[in-house]
Amino acid sequence: MIDIREITPGRAYGCKFKVKEARDEFDRKWPNMSDTPFHHYAEVEGFGFLKQRDTEQELVVVIDEKSEQEFVCSYDDIWDVDEVEIIEDESE
């Protein structure tokens, strides 16, 4: 694995990450299309691709592989950073 401080700009990297997401009383992402109020935060882990890095504030923007949602994470909330090869699916 690679230390986030040692990555080379211009190359593709992926990592595991954790974030806190707002949830409603049924443990669904909040806000959502329902009228249920905010209930709690849940810690969620995932795998994503590094989009941007801020070395001064030690933050990264990670694009979640499954949802394609972007998250801002601190260096402390990412691990297993490694180079990735992104292969485009030509059938789409």
PDB file of N, CA and C in Angstrom:
ATOM      1  N   MET A   1       0.826  -1.179   0.000  1.00  0.00           N
ATOM      2  CA  MET A   1       0.000   0.000   0.000  1.00  0.00           C
ATOM      3  C   MET A   1       0.878   1.254   0.000  1.00  0.00           C
ATOM      4  N   ILE A   2       0.284   2.337  -0.433  1.00  0.00           N
ATOM      5  CA  ILE A   2       1.008   3.586  -0.611  1.00  0.00           C
ATOM      6  C   ILE A   2       0.513   4.605   0.428  1.00  0.00           C
ATOM      7  N   ASP A   3       1.451   5.353   1.005  1.00  0.00           N
ATOM      8  CA  ASP A   3       1.083   6.446   1.900  1.00  0.00           C
ATOM      9  C   ASP A   3       0.466   7.558   1.058  1.00  0.00           C
ATOM     10  N   ILE A   4      -0.666   8.109   1.481  1.00  0.00           N
ATOM     11  CA  ILE A   4      -1.367   9.145   0.726  1.00  0.00           C
ATOM     12  C   ILE A   4      -0.476  10.349   0.448  1.00  0.00           C
ATOM     13  N   ARG A   5       0.482  10.588   1.321  1.00  0.00           N
ATOM     14  CA  ARG A   5       1.387  11.727   1.140  1.00  0.00           C
ATOM     15  C   ARG A   5       2.418  11.480   0.046  1.00  0.00           C
ATOM     16  N   GLU A   6       2.545  10.230  -0.400  1.00  0.00           N
ATOM     17  CA  GLU A   6       3.565   9.861  -1.383  1.00  0.00           C
ATOM     18  C   GLU A   6       3.008   9.579  -2.774  1.00  0.00           C
ATOM     19  N   ILE A   7       1.710   9.813  -3.020  1.00  0.00           N
ATOM     20  CA  ILE A   7       1.158   9.493  -4.336  1.00  0.00           C
ATOM     21  C   ILE A   7       1.649  10.478  -5.392  1.00  0.00           C
ATOM     22  N   THR A   8       1.661  10.015  -6.636  1.00  0.00           N
ATOM     23  CA  THR A   8       2.132  10.816  -7.762  1.00  0.00           C
ATOM     24  C   THR A   8       0.935  11.443  -8.473  1.00  0.00           C
ATOM     25  N   PRO A   9       0.887  12.777  -8.573  1.00  0.00           N
ATOM     26  CA  PRO A   9      -0.222  13.428  -9.279  1.00  0.00           C
ATOM     27  C   PRO A   9      -0.317  12.913 -10.728  1.00  0.00           C
ATOM     28  N   GLY A  10      -1.545  12.768 -11.195  1.00  0.00           N
ATOM     29  CA  GLY A  10      -1.769  12.319 -12.562  1.00  0.00           C
ATOM     30  C   GLY A  10      -2.001  10.823 -12.705  1.00  0.00           C
ATOM     31  N   ARG A  11      -1.745  10.069 -11.666  1.00  0.00           N
ATOM     32  CA  ARG A  11      -1.993   8.625 -11.694  1.00  0.00           C
ATOM     33  C   ARG A  11      -3.310   8.327 -10.996  1.00  0.00           C
ATOM     34  N   ALA A  12      -3.909   7.177 -11.322  1.00  0.00           N
ATOM     35  CA  ALA A  12      -5.187   6.785 -10.726  1.00  0.00           C
ATOM     36  C   ALA A  12      -4.945   5.973  -9.461  1.00  0.00           C
ATOM     37  N   TYR A  13      -5.660   6.344  -8.392  1.00  0.00           N
ATOM     38  CA  TYR A  13      -5.531   5.653  -7.113  1.00  0.00           C
ATOM     39  C   TYR A  13      -6.910   5.325  -6.561  1.00  0.00           C
ATOM     40  N   GLY A  14      -6.969   4.256  -5.817  1.00  0.00           N
ATOM     41  CA  GLY A  14      -8.175   3.873  -5.112  1.00  0.00           C
ATOM     42  C   GLY A  14      -7.841   3.673  -3.646  1.00  0.00           C
ATOM     43  N   CYS A  15      -8.864   3.652  -2.804  1.00  0.00           N
ATOM     44  CA  CYS A  15      -8.647   3.455  -1.374  1.00  0.00           C
ATOM     45  C   CYS A  15      -9.938   3.004  -0.713  1.00  0.00           C
ATOM     46  N   LYS A  16      -9.798   2.478   0.477  1.00  0.00           N
ATOM     47  CA  LYS A  16     -10.949   2.221   1.331  1.00  0.00           C
ATOM     48  C   LYS A  16     -11.142   3.480   2.166  1.00  0.00           C
ATOM     49  N   PHE A  17     -12.396   3.761   2.521  1.00  0.00           N
ATOM     50  CA  PHE A  17     -12.678   4.984   3.272  1.00  0.00           C
ATOM     51  C   PHE A  17     -13.859   4.761   4.204  1.00  0.00           C
ATOM     52  N   LYS A  18     -13.981   5.668   5.164  1.00  0.00           N
ATOM     53  CA  LYS A  18     -15.153   5.656   6.046  1.00  0.00           C
ATOM     54  C   LYS A  18     -15.671   7.081   6.181  1.00  0.00           C
ATOM     55  N   VAL A  19     -17.005   7.192   6.230  1.00  0.00           N
ATOM     56  CA  VAL A  19     -17.668   8.484   6.380  1.00  0.00           C
ATOM     57  C   VAL A  19     -18.860   8.318   7.312  1.00  0.00           C
ATOM     58  N   LYS A  20     -19.332   9.430   7.845  1.00  0.00           N
ATOM     59  CA  LYS A  20     -20.560   9.421   8.642  1.00  0.00           C
ATOM     60  C   LYS A  20     -21.671   9.959   7.748  1.00  0.00           C
ATOM     61  N   GLU A  21     -22.753   9.170   7.621  1.00  0.00           N
ATOM     62  CA  GLU A  21     -23.887   9.579   6.808  1.00  0.00           C
ATOM     63  C   GLU A  21     -25.109   9.807   7.688  1.00  0.00           C
ATOM     64  N   ALA A  22     -25.896  10.823   7.352  1.00  0.00           N
ATOM     65  CA  ALA A  22     -27.145  11.091   8.056  1.00  0.00           C
ATOM     66  C   ALA A  22     -28.173  10.040   7.641  1.00  0.00           C
ATOM     67  N   ARG A  23     -28.953   9.552   8.618  1.00  0.00           N
ATOM     68  CA  ARG A  23     -29.949   8.505   8.367  1.00  0.00           C
ATOM     69  C   ARG A  23     -31.272   8.885   9.006  1.00  0.00           C
ATOM     70  N   ASP A  24     -32.360   8.317   8.463  1.00  0.00           N
ATOM     71  CA  ASP A  24     -33.665   8.503   9.086  1.00  0.00           C
ATOM     72  C   ASP A  24     -33.927   7.354  10.057  1.00  0.00           C
ATOM     73  N   GLU A  25     -35.118   7.299  10.653  1.00  0.00           N
ATOM     74  CA  GLU A  25     -35.393   6.278  11.662  1.00  0.00           C
ATOM     75  C   GLU A  25     -35.412   4.858  11.102  1.00  0.00           C
ATOM     76  N   PHE A  26     -35.516   4.721   9.769  1.00  0.00           N
ATOM     77  CA  PHE A  26     -35.495   3.396   9.137  1.00  0.00           C
ATOM     78  C   PHE A  26     -34.108   3.056   8.588  1.00  0.00           C
ATOM     79  N   ASP A  27     -33.101   3.826   8.993  1.00  0.00           N
ATOM     80  CA  ASP A  27     -31.703   3.660   8.598  1.00  0.00           C
ATOM     81  C   ASP A  27     -31.487   3.875   7.104  1.00  0.00           C
ATOM     82  N   ARG A  28     -32.305   4.727   6.487  1.00  0.00           N
ATOM     83  CA  ARG A  28     -32.126   5.112   5.082  1.00  0.00           C
ATOM     84  C   ARG A  28     -31.364   6.421   5.038  1.00  0.00           C
ATOM     85  N   LYS A  29     -30.611   6.646   3.939  1.00  0.00           N
ATOM     86  CA  LYS A  29     -29.906   7.921   3.789  1.00  0.00           C
ATOM     87  C   LYS A  29     -30.891   9.062   3.930  1.00  0.00           C
ATOM     88  N   TRP A  30     -30.452  10.118   4.618  1.00  0.00           N
ATOM     89  CA  TRP A  30     -31.294  11.275   4.841  1.00  0.00           C
ATOM     90  C   TRP A  30     -30.558  12.532   4.412  1.00  0.00           C
ATOM     91  N   PRO A  31     -31.125  13.522   3.788  1.00  0.00           N
ATOM     92  CA  PRO A  31     -32.543  13.609   3.450  1.00  0.00           C
ATOM     93  C   PRO A  31     -32.884  12.721   2.256  1.00  0.00           C
ATOM     94  N   ASN A  32     -34.159  12.346   2.188  1.00  0.00           N
ATOM     95  CA  ASN A  32     -34.640  11.514   1.096  1.00  0.00           C
ATOM     96  C   ASN A  32     -36.023  12.007   0.678  1.00  0.00           C
ATOM     97  N   MET A  33     -36.675  11.269  -0.169  1.00  0.00           N
ATOM     98  CA  MET A  33     -37.969  11.703  -0.707  1.00  0.00           C
ATOM     99  C   MET A  33     -39.122  11.542   0.290  1.00  0.00           C
ATOM    100  N   SER A  34     -38.883  10.874   1.403  1.00  0.00           N
ATOM    101  CA  SER A  34     -39.942  10.696   2.392  1.00  0.00           C
ATOM    102  C   SER A  34     -39.993  11.900   3.330  1.00  0.00           C
ATOM    103  N   ASP A  35     -40.988  11.912   4.184  1.00  0.00           N
ATOM    104  CA  ASP A  35     -41.107  13.019   5.139  1.00  0.00           C
ATOM    105  C   ASP A  35     -40.589  12.638   6.528  1.00  0.00           C
ATOM    106  N   THR A  36     -39.827  11.547   6.610  1.00  0.00           N
ATOM    107  CA  THR A  36     -39.288  11.141   7.908  1.00  0.00           C
ATOM    108  C   THR A  36     -38.128  12.058   8.293  1.00  0.00           C
ATOM    109  N   PRO A  37     -38.048  12.437   9.556  1.00  0.00           N
ATOM    110  CA  PRO A  37     -37.005  13.356  10.001  1.00  0.00           C
ATOM    111  C   PRO A  37     -35.657  12.648  10.195  1.00  0.00           C
ATOM    112  N   PHE A  38     -34.629  13.464  10.334  1.00  0.00           N
ATOM    113  CA  PHE A  38     -33.300  12.953  10.665  1.00  0.00           C
ATOM    114  C   PHE A  38     -33.378  12.172  11.973  1.00  0.00           C
ATOM    115  N   HIS A  39     -32.619  11.080  12.048  1.00  0.00           N
ATOM    116  CA  HIS A  39     -32.643  10.266  13.265  1.00  0.00           C
ATOM    117  C   HIS A  39     -31.249  10.066  13.862  1.00  0.00           C
ATOM    118  N   HIS A  40     -30.255   9.727  13.030  1.00  0.00           N
ATOM    119  CA  HIS A  40     -28.917   9.444  13.562  1.00  0.00           C
ATOM    120  C   HIS A  40     -27.873   9.480  12.440  1.00  0.00           C
ATOM    121  N   TYR A  41     -26.627   9.402  12.852  1.00  0.00           N
ATOM    122  CA  TYR A  41     -25.522   9.250  11.907  1.00  0.00           C
ATOM    123  C   TYR A  41     -25.054   7.805  11.945  1.00  0.00           C
ATOM    124  N   ALA A  42     -24.668   7.290  10.786  1.00  0.00           N
ATOM    125  CA  ALA A  42     -24.127   5.934  10.697  1.00  0.00           C
ATOM    126  C   ALA A  42     -22.761   6.005  10.033  1.00  0.00           C
ATOM    127  N   GLU A  43     -21.806   5.248  10.558  1.00  0.00           N
ATOM    128  CA  GLU A  43     -20.487   5.182   9.944  1.00  0.00           C
ATOM    129  C   GLU A  43     -20.539   4.139   8.832  1.00  0.00           C
ATOM    130  N   VAL A  44     -20.152   4.558   7.643  1.00  0.00           N
ATOM    131  CA  VAL A  44     -20.222   3.700   6.462  1.00  0.00           C
ATOM    132  C   VAL A  44     -18.823   3.573   5.880  1.00  0.00           C
ATOM    133  N   GLU A  45     -18.456   2.368   5.472  1.00  0.00           N
ATOM    134  CA  GLU A  45     -17.167   2.131   4.824  1.00  0.00           C
ATOM    135  C   GLU A  45     -17.392   1.727   3.379  1.00  0.00           C
ATOM    136  N   GLY A  46     -16.441   2.064   2.535  1.00  0.00           N
ATOM    137  CA  GLY A  46     -16.552   1.714   1.129  1.00  0.00           C
ATOM    138  C   GLY A  46     -15.199   1.733   0.447  1.00  0.00           C
ATOM    139  N   PHE A  47     -15.231   1.488  -0.854  1.00  0.00           N
ATOM    140  CA  PHE A  47     -14.043   1.586  -1.692  1.00  0.00           C
ATOM    141  C   PHE A  47     -14.316   2.645  -2.738  1.00  0.00           C
ATOM    142  N   GLY A  48     -13.327   3.478  -3.003  1.00  0.00           N
ATOM    143  CA  GLY A  48     -13.533   4.523  -3.997  1.00  0.00           C
ATOM    144  C   GLY A  48     -12.246   4.948  -4.668  1.00  0.00           C
ATOM    145  N   PHE A  49     -12.407   5.874  -5.590  1.00  0.00           N
ATOM    146  CA  PHE A  49     -11.286   6.395  -6.370  1.00  0.00           C
ATOM    147  C   PHE A  49     -10.962   7.803  -5.914  1.00  0.00           C
ATOM    148  N   LEU A  50      -9.675   8.104  -5.797  1.00  0.00           N
ATOM    149  CA  LEU A  50      -9.252   9.442  -5.380  1.00  0.00           C
ATOM    150  C   LEU A  50      -9.446  10.411  -6.532  1.00  0.00           C
ATOM    151  N   LYS A  51     -10.157  11.488  -6.266  1.00  0.00           N
ATOM    152  CA  LYS A  51     -10.406  12.509  -7.286  1.00  0.00           C
ATOM    153  C   LYS A  51      -9.505  13.715  -7.068  1.00  0.00           C
ATOM    154  N   GLN A  52      -9.323  14.078  -5.802  1.00  0.00           N
ATOM    155  CA  GLN A  52      -8.588  15.293  -5.487  1.00  0.00           C
ATOM    156  C   GLN A  52      -7.956  15.162  -4.114  1.00  0.00           C
ATOM    157  N   ARG A  53      -6.814  15.843  -3.948  1.00  0.00           N
ATOM    158  CA  ARG A  53      -6.118  15.809  -2.653  1.00  0.00           C
ATOM    159  C   ARG A  53      -5.716  17.212  -2.262  1.00  0.00           C
ATOM    160  N   ASP A  54      -5.956  17.560  -0.999  1.00  0.00           N
ATOM    161  CA  ASP A  54      -5.552  18.848  -0.432  1.00  0.00           C
ATOM    162  C   ASP A  54      -4.478  18.546   0.604  1.00  0.00           C
ATOM    163  N   THR A  55      -3.223  18.787   0.240  1.00  0.00           N
ATOM    164  CA  THR A  55      -2.112  18.433   1.133  1.00  0.00           C
ATOM    165  C   THR A  55      -2.019  19.363   2.344  1.00  0.00           C
ATOM    166  N   GLU A  56      -2.488  20.597   2.219  1.00  0.00           N
ATOM    167  CA  GLU A  56      -2.413  21.527   3.346  1.00  0.00           C
ATOM    168  C   GLU A  56      -3.394  21.148   4.453  1.00  0.00           C
ATOM    169  N   GLN A  57      -4.631  20.801   4.069  1.00  0.00           N
ATOM    170  CA  GLN A  57      -5.644  20.445   5.064  1.00  0.00           C
ATOM    171  C   GLN A  57      -5.726  18.934   5.289  1.00  0.00           C
ATOM    172  N   GLU A  58      -4.938  18.177   4.539  1.00  0.00           N
ATOM    173  CA  GLU A  58      -4.914  16.709   4.603  1.00  0.00           C
ATOM    174  C   GLU A  58      -6.315  16.117   4.406  1.00  0.00           C
ATOM    175  N   LEU A  59      -6.935  16.519   3.280  1.00  0.00           N
ATOM    176  CA  LEU A  59      -8.247  16.027   2.888  1.00  0.00           C
ATOM    177  C   LEU A  59      -8.177  15.460   1.472  1.00  0.00           C
ATOM    178  N   VAL A  60      -9.053  14.515   1.179  1.00  0.00           N
ATOM    179  CA  VAL A  60      -9.176  13.980  -0.174  1.00  0.00           C
ATOM    180  C   VAL A  60     -10.651  13.933  -0.552  1.00  0.00           C
ATOM    181  N   VAL A  61     -10.919  13.993  -1.853  1.00  0.00           N
ATOM    182  CA  VAL A  61     -12.252  13.750  -2.381  1.00  0.00           C
ATOM    183  C   VAL A  61     -12.216  12.342  -2.959  1.00  0.00           C
ATOM    184  N   VAL A  62     -13.112  11.497  -2.466  1.00  0.00           N
ATOM    185  CA  VAL A  62     -13.188  10.103  -2.900  1.00  0.00           C
ATOM    186  C   VAL A  62     -14.524   9.896  -3.599  1.00  0.00           C
ATOM    187  N   ILE A  63     -14.500   9.236  -4.770  1.00  0.00           N
ATOM    188  CA  ILE A  63     -15.726   8.879  -5.478  1.00  0.00           C
ATOM    189  C   ILE A  63     -16.024   7.421  -5.157  1.00  0.00           C
ATOM    190  N   ASP A  64     -17.143   7.183  -4.484  1.00  0.00           N
ATOM    191  CA  ASP A  64     -17.540   5.828  -4.099  1.00  0.00           C
ATOM    192  C   ASP A  64     -17.768   4.980  -5.349  1.00  0.00           C
ATOM    193  N   GLU A  65     -17.180   3.784  -5.361  1.00  0.00           N
ATOM    194  CA  GLU A  65     -17.266   2.894  -6.518  1.00  0.00           C
ATOM    195  C   GLU A  65     -18.707   2.484  -6.823  1.00  0.00           C
ATOM    196  N   LYS A  66     -19.509   2.225  -5.800  1.00  0.00           N
ATOM    197  CA  LYS A  66     -20.869   1.728  -6.019  1.00  0.00           C
ATOM    198  C   LYS A  66     -21.866   2.842  -6.326  1.00  0.00           C
ATOM    199  N   SER A  67     -21.886   3.889  -5.514  1.00  0.00           N
ATOM    200  CA  SER A  67     -22.906   4.932  -5.668  1.00  0.00           C
ATOM    201  C   SER A  67     -22.463   6.085  -6.565  1.00  0.00           C
ATOM    202  N   GLU A  68     -21.160   6.185  -6.830  1.00  0.00           N
ATOM    203  CA  GLU A  68     -20.555   7.295  -7.571  1.00  0.00           C
ATOM    204  C   GLU A  68     -20.734   8.634  -6.859  1.00  0.00           C
ATOM    205  N   GLN A  69     -21.080   8.582  -5.579  1.00  0.00           N
ATOM    206  CA  GLN A  69     -21.211   9.779  -4.757  1.00  0.00           C
ATOM    207  C   GLN A  69     -19.825  10.223  -4.312  1.00  0.00           C
ATOM    208  N   GLU A  70     -19.626  11.529  -4.211  1.00  0.00           N
ATOM    209  CA  GLU A  70     -18.340  12.074  -3.768  1.00  0.00           C
ATOM    210  C   GLU A  70     -18.374  12.359  -2.277  1.00  0.00           C
ATOM    211  N   PHE A  71     -17.277  12.008  -1.608  1.00  0.00           N
ATOM    212  CA  PHE A  71     -17.143  12.257  -0.176  1.00  0.00           C
ATOM    213  C   PHE A  71     -15.812  12.959   0.083  1.00  0.00           C
ATOM    214  N   VAL A  72     -15.805  13.881   1.024  1.00  0.00           N
ATOM    215  CA  VAL A  72     -14.570  14.519   1.482  1.00  0.00           C
ATOM    216  C   VAL A  72     -14.146  13.783   2.743  1.00  0.00           C
ATOM    217  N   CYS A  73     -12.938  13.239   2.724  1.00  0.00           N
ATOM    218  CA  CYS A  73     -12.429  12.454   3.855  1.00  0.00           C
ATOM    219  C   CYS A  73     -11.080  12.996   4.298  1.00  0.00           C
ATOM    220  N   SER A  74     -10.815  12.900   5.577  1.00  0.00           N
ATOM    221  CA  SER A  74      -9.492  13.254   6.079  1.00  0.00           C
ATOM    222  C   SER A  74      -8.534  12.099   5.798  1.00  0.00           C
ATOM    223  N   TYR A  75      -7.261  12.389   5.829  1.00  0.00           N
ATOM    224  CA  TYR A  75      -6.264  11.329   5.630  1.00  0.00           C
ATOM    225  C   TYR A  75      -6.467  10.199   6.640  1.00  0.00           C
ATOM    226  N   ASP A  76      -6.946  10.524   7.837  1.00  0.00           N
ATOM    227  CA  ASP A  76      -7.148   9.508   8.876  1.00  0.00           C
ATOM    228  C   ASP A  76      -8.294   8.552   8.557  1.00  0.00           C
ATOM    229  N   ASP A  77      -9.175   8.946   7.643  1.00  0.00           N
ATOM    230  CA  ASP A  77     -10.348   8.135   7.327  1.00  0.00           C
ATOM    231  C   ASP A  77     -10.221   7.355   6.024  1.00  0.00           C
ATOM    232  N   ILE A  78      -9.010   7.269   5.474  1.00  0.00           N
ATOM    233  CA  ILE A  78      -8.762   6.441   4.289  1.00  0.00           C
ATOM    234  C   ILE A  78      -7.595   5.504   4.581  1.00  0.00           C
ATOM    235  N   TRP A  79      -7.598   4.358   3.926  1.00  0.00           N
ATOM    236  CA  TRP A  79      -6.514   3.395   4.097  1.00  0.00           C
ATOM    237  C   TRP A  79      -6.443   2.503   2.863  1.00  0.00           C
ATOM    238  N   ASP A  80      -5.442   1.651   2.806  1.00  0.00           N
ATOM    239  CA  ASP A  80      -5.210   0.752   1.663  1.00  0.00           C
ATOM    240  C   ASP A  80      -5.173   1.521   0.343  1.00  0.00           C
ATOM    241  N   VAL A  81      -4.452   2.633   0.327  1.00  0.00           N
ATOM    242  CA  VAL A  81      -4.304   3.426  -0.897  1.00  0.00           C
ATOM    243  C   VAL A  81      -3.382   2.669  -1.845  1.00  0.00           C
ATOM    244  N   ASP A  82      -3.800   2.527  -3.094  1.00  0.00           N
ATOM    245  CA  ASP A  82      -2.981   1.831  -4.081  1.00  0.00           C
ATOM    246  C   ASP A  82      -3.347   2.321  -5.475  1.00  0.00           C
ATOM    247  N   GLU A  83      -2.430   2.130  -6.419  1.00  0.00           N
ATOM    248  CA  GLU A  83      -2.716   2.482  -7.809  1.00  0.00           C
ATOM    249  C   GLU A  83      -3.784   1.555  -8.355  1.00  0.00           C
ATOM    250  N   VAL A  84      -4.645   2.098  -9.212  1.00  0.00           N
ATOM    251  CA  VAL A  84      -5.692   1.301  -9.838  1.00  0.00           C
ATOM    252  C   VAL A  84      -5.645   1.520 -11.350  1.00  0.00           C
ATOM    253  N   GLU A  85      -6.171   0.550 -12.065  1.00  0.00           N
ATOM    254  CA  GLU A  85      -6.317   0.676 -13.500  1.00  0.00           C
ATOM    255  C   GLU A  85      -7.812   0.769 -13.774  1.00  0.00           C
ATOM    256  N   ILE A  86      -8.230   1.864 -14.354  1.00  0.00           N
ATOM    257  CA  ILE A  86      -9.647   2.070 -14.655  1.00  0.00           C
ATOM    258  C   ILE A  86      -9.906   1.605 -16.067  1.00  0.00           C
ATOM    259  N   ILE A  87     -10.811   0.621 -16.190  1.00  0.00           N
ATOM    260  CA  ILE A  87     -11.156   0.061 -17.491  1.00  0.00           C
ATOM    261  C   ILE A  87     -12.579   0.476 -17.824  1.00  0.00           C
ATOM    262  N   GLU A  88     -12.736   1.172 -18.928  1.00  0.00           N
ATOM    263  CA  GLU A  88     -14.062   1.622 -19.359  1.00  0.00           C
ATOM    264  C   GLU A  88     -14.833   0.458 -19.944  1.00  0.00           C
ATOM    265  N   ASP A  89     -16.110   0.346 -19.585  1.00  0.00           N
ATOM    266  CA  ASP A  89     -16.987  -0.688 -20.113  1.00  0.00           C
ATOM    267  C   ASP A  89     -17.532  -0.194 -21.447  1.00  0.00           C
ATOM    268  N   GLU A  90     -17.102  -0.819 -22.535  1.00  0.00           N
ATOM    269  CA  GLU A  90     -17.470  -0.364 -23.871  1.00  0.00           C
ATOM    270  C   GLU A  90     -18.917  -0.689 -24.229  1.00  0.00           C
ATOM    271  N   SER A  91     -19.585  -1.532 -23.456  1.00  0.00           N
ATOM    272  CA  SER A  91     -20.962  -1.907 -23.780  1.00  0.00           C
ATOM    273  C   SER A  91     -21.967  -0.848 -23.353  1.00  0.00           C
ATOM    274  N   GLU A  92     -21.549   0.120 -22.569  1.00  0.00           N
ATOM    275  CA  GLU A  92     -22.481   1.166 -22.095  1.00  0.00           C
ATOM    276  C   GLU A  92     -22.559   2.304 -23.062  1.00  0.00           C
TER     277      GLU A  92
END
